[in-house]
Amino acid sequence: MNGDGRPDLIARHSSTGAVYLYKGTSTGKLSARVKLTADWGSSYNAVIGVGDITGDGKADIISRDTSGMAQHR
């Protein structure tokens, strides 16, 4: 997610909606979390990282809300 070539983790807290980034480190562990947003996607019931689907060289995520609509980020 941050372009350094190491796998990162994006996580959303199910009750608050806060989204966090855990950066991958050179030791293979994850860094301390960094809050990306306070309340994102409270209506989403599925969020998945799918790689680079747009071809811009950056990882993308797809989310689906409770009505079945999908969104790309």
N, C-alpha and C. Protein backbone atom coordinates (compact mmCIF):
# COMPACT_ATOMS: atom_id res chain seq x y z
N MET A 1 0.81 -1.20 0.00
CA MET A 1 0.00 0.00 0.00
C MET A 1 0.85 1.26 0.00
N ASN A 2 2.03 1.21 0.62
CA ASN A 2 2.85 2.42 0.67
C ASN A 2 3.96 2.44 -0.38
N GLY A 3 4.03 1.40 -1.22
CA GLY A 3 4.96 1.41 -2.34
C GLY A 3 6.38 0.99 -2.03
N ASP A 4 6.65 0.47 -0.82
CA ASP A 4 8.02 0.08 -0.50
C ASP A 4 8.34 -1.37 -0.87
N GLY A 5 7.39 -2.08 -1.46
CA GLY A 5 7.62 -3.45 -1.88
C GLY A 5 7.36 -4.49 -0.81
N ARG A 6 7.00 -4.06 0.38
CA ARG A 6 6.68 -4.99 1.46
C ARG A 6 5.17 -5.08 1.62
N PRO A 7 4.66 -6.26 1.93
CA PRO A 7 3.21 -6.39 2.13
C PRO A 7 2.75 -5.57 3.33
N ASP A 8 1.64 -4.87 3.16
CA ASP A 8 1.03 -4.08 4.22
C ASP A 8 -0.36 -4.64 4.50
N LEU A 9 -0.93 -4.23 5.60
CA LEU A 9 -2.26 -4.68 5.99
C LEU A 9 -3.13 -3.48 6.26
N ILE A 10 -4.33 -3.47 5.67
CA ILE A 10 -5.35 -2.47 5.97
C ILE A 10 -6.42 -3.19 6.76
N ALA A 11 -6.85 -2.60 7.87
CA ALA A 11 -7.88 -3.23 8.71
C ALA A 11 -8.91 -2.19 9.12
N ARG A 12 -10.16 -2.62 9.17
CA ARG A 12 -11.26 -1.75 9.59
C ARG A 12 -11.85 -2.30 10.87
N HIS A 13 -11.96 -1.44 11.87
CA HIS A 13 -12.55 -1.84 13.15
C HIS A 13 -14.06 -1.98 12.94
N SER A 14 -14.60 -3.14 13.25
CA SER A 14 -16.00 -3.43 12.91
C SER A 14 -17.01 -2.57 13.65
N SER A 15 -16.71 -2.13 14.85
CA SER A 15 -17.70 -1.34 15.58
C SER A 15 -17.54 0.16 15.42
N THR A 16 -16.31 0.65 15.21
CA THR A 16 -16.11 2.09 15.08
C THR A 16 -16.02 2.56 13.63
N GLY A 17 -15.68 1.66 12.72
CA GLY A 17 -15.49 2.03 11.33
C GLY A 17 -14.13 2.64 11.03
N ALA A 18 -13.28 2.78 12.05
CA ALA A 18 -11.95 3.34 11.84
C ALA A 18 -11.13 2.38 10.97
N VAL A 19 -10.34 2.95 10.06
CA VAL A 19 -9.49 2.16 9.18
C VAL A 19 -8.04 2.44 9.53
N TYR A 20 -7.25 1.35 9.64
CA TYR A 20 -5.86 1.45 10.06
C TYR A 20 -4.95 0.82 9.01
N LEU A 21 -3.74 1.36 8.91
CA LEU A 21 -2.69 0.80 8.08
C LEU A 21 -1.62 0.23 9.00
N TYR A 22 -1.25 -1.03 8.74
CA TYR A 22 -0.12 -1.67 9.40
C TYR A 22 0.92 -1.91 8.31
N LYS A 23 2.01 -1.17 8.34
CA LYS A 23 3.04 -1.30 7.31
C LYS A 23 3.89 -2.54 7.56
N GLY A 24 4.24 -3.24 6.48
CA GLY A 24 5.17 -4.35 6.58
C GLY A 24 6.57 -3.83 6.81
N THR A 25 7.34 -4.55 7.61
CA THR A 25 8.70 -4.11 7.92
C THR A 25 9.72 -5.06 7.29
N SER A 26 10.98 -4.68 7.36
CA SER A 26 12.05 -5.51 6.78
C SER A 26 12.25 -6.82 7.55
N THR A 27 11.72 -6.89 8.77
CA THR A 27 11.84 -8.12 9.56
C THR A 27 10.67 -9.08 9.32
N GLY A 28 9.71 -8.68 8.48
CA GLY A 28 8.56 -9.53 8.20
C GLY A 28 7.41 -9.33 9.17
N LYS A 29 7.57 -8.40 10.09
CA LYS A 29 6.50 -8.09 11.04
C LYS A 29 5.74 -6.86 10.57
N LEU A 30 4.70 -6.50 11.29
CA LEU A 30 3.93 -5.31 10.97
C LEU A 30 4.26 -4.19 11.95
N SER A 31 4.24 -2.96 11.45
CA SER A 31 4.49 -1.80 12.30
C SER A 31 3.27 -1.52 13.17
N ALA A 32 3.42 -0.58 14.07
CA ALA A 32 2.27 -0.10 14.84
C ALA A 32 1.26 0.51 13.87
N ARG A 33 0.01 0.40 14.21
CA ARG A 33 -1.02 0.89 13.29
C ARG A 33 -1.04 2.40 13.20
N VAL A 34 -1.47 2.87 12.03
CA VAL A 34 -1.65 4.29 11.76
C VAL A 34 -3.09 4.46 11.30
N LYS A 35 -3.85 5.33 11.96
CA LYS A 35 -5.25 5.52 11.58
C LYS A 35 -5.32 6.29 10.27
N LEU A 36 -6.04 5.74 9.30
CA LEU A 36 -6.22 6.39 8.01
C LEU A 36 -7.49 7.24 7.98
N THR A 37 -8.54 6.76 8.64
CA THR A 37 -9.79 7.50 8.70
C THR A 37 -10.58 7.03 9.92
N ALA A 38 -11.41 7.91 10.44
CA ALA A 38 -12.14 7.61 11.67
C ALA A 38 -13.40 6.78 11.44
N ASP A 39 -14.11 7.02 10.35
CA ASP A 39 -15.37 6.30 10.13
C ASP A 39 -15.55 6.09 8.64
N TRP A 40 -15.12 4.95 8.16
CA TRP A 40 -15.20 4.66 6.73
C TRP A 40 -16.05 3.42 6.51
N GLY A 41 -17.04 3.56 5.68
CA GLY A 41 -17.78 2.41 5.21
C GLY A 41 -18.58 1.66 6.24
N SER A 42 -19.31 2.38 7.07
CA SER A 42 -20.11 1.67 8.07
C SER A 42 -21.17 0.79 7.44
N SER A 43 -21.52 1.06 6.18
CA SER A 43 -22.52 0.23 5.49
C SER A 43 -21.88 -0.92 4.72
N TYR A 44 -20.54 -1.00 4.69
CA TYR A 44 -19.87 -2.07 3.94
C TYR A 44 -19.91 -3.38 4.72
N ASN A 45 -20.23 -4.45 4.03
CA ASN A 45 -20.20 -5.76 4.68
C ASN A 45 -19.09 -6.65 4.12
N ALA A 46 -18.34 -6.14 3.14
CA ALA A 46 -17.20 -6.88 2.61
C ALA A 46 -16.19 -5.88 2.03
N VAL A 47 -14.94 -6.07 2.39
CA VAL A 47 -13.84 -5.27 1.86
C VAL A 47 -12.70 -6.23 1.59
N ILE A 48 -12.10 -6.13 0.38
CA ILE A 48 -11.02 -7.05 0.03
C ILE A 48 -9.95 -6.30 -0.78
N GLY A 49 -8.71 -6.64 -0.52
CA GLY A 49 -7.60 -6.15 -1.33
C GLY A 49 -7.39 -7.12 -2.47
N VAL A 50 -7.41 -6.61 -3.68
CA VAL A 50 -7.38 -7.49 -4.86
C VAL A 50 -6.16 -7.30 -5.73
N GLY A 51 -5.18 -6.53 -5.29
CA GLY A 51 -4.03 -6.24 -6.13
C GLY A 51 -4.28 -5.00 -6.95
N ASP A 52 -3.59 -4.86 -8.05
CA ASP A 52 -3.69 -3.67 -8.90
C ASP A 52 -4.66 -3.96 -10.05
N ILE A 53 -5.93 -3.66 -9.86
CA ILE A 53 -6.90 -3.92 -10.94
C ILE A 53 -7.00 -2.79 -11.94
N THR A 54 -6.49 -1.60 -11.58
CA THR A 54 -6.58 -0.46 -12.49
C THR A 54 -5.35 -0.28 -13.37
N GLY A 55 -4.28 -1.00 -13.06
CA GLY A 55 -3.06 -0.90 -13.86
C GLY A 55 -2.21 0.31 -13.57
N ASP A 56 -2.45 0.98 -12.44
CA ASP A 56 -1.66 2.17 -12.12
C ASP A 56 -0.43 1.89 -11.26
N GLY A 57 -0.19 0.60 -10.98
CA GLY A 57 0.96 0.22 -10.17
C GLY A 57 0.73 0.30 -8.67
N LYS A 58 -0.50 0.59 -8.25
CA LYS A 58 -0.83 0.68 -6.83
C LYS A 58 -1.90 -0.34 -6.48
N ALA A 59 -1.83 -0.86 -5.27
CA ALA A 59 -2.82 -1.83 -4.81
C ALA A 59 -4.20 -1.17 -4.69
N ASP A 60 -5.24 -1.92 -5.00
CA ASP A 60 -6.61 -1.42 -4.94
C ASP A 60 -7.41 -2.25 -3.95
N ILE A 61 -8.49 -1.68 -3.47
CA ILE A 61 -9.43 -2.44 -2.65
C ILE A 61 -10.83 -2.30 -3.23
N ILE A 62 -11.62 -3.32 -3.04
CA ILE A 62 -13.01 -3.34 -3.47
C ILE A 62 -13.86 -3.52 -2.23
N SER A 63 -14.94 -2.76 -2.15
CA SER A 63 -15.86 -2.91 -1.03
C SER A 63 -17.27 -3.14 -1.57
N ARG A 64 -18.08 -3.81 -0.76
CA ARG A 64 -19.48 -4.04 -1.11
C ARG A 64 -20.33 -3.59 0.07
N ASP A 65 -21.38 -2.81 -0.24
CA ASP A 65 -22.25 -2.38 0.85
C ASP A 65 -23.41 -3.35 1.03
N THR A 66 -24.21 -3.10 2.01
CA THR A 66 -25.28 -4.03 2.36
C THR A 66 -26.36 -4.13 1.29
N SER A 67 -26.40 -3.17 0.34
CA SER A 67 -27.37 -3.28 -0.76
C SER A 67 -26.79 -4.05 -1.95
N GLY A 68 -25.51 -4.46 -1.86
CA GLY A 68 -24.88 -5.23 -2.91
C GLY A 68 -24.08 -4.40 -3.90
N MET A 69 -24.01 -3.09 -3.71
CA MET A 69 -23.23 -2.22 -4.60
C MET A 69 -21.75 -2.32 -4.26
N ALA A 70 -20.92 -2.43 -5.29
CA ALA A 70 -19.47 -2.52 -5.12
C ALA A 70 -18.83 -1.17 -5.43
N GLN A 71 -17.74 -0.88 -4.74
CA GLN A 71 -16.99 0.35 -4.98
C GLN A 71 -15.51 0.02 -5.01
N HIS A 72 -14.79 0.76 -5.81
CA HIS A 72 -13.34 0.58 -5.95
C HIS A 72 -12.65 1.75 -5.26
N ARG A 73 -11.57 1.47 -4.56
CA ARG A 73 -10.76 2.51 -3.89
C ARG A 73 -9.32 2.33 -4.28
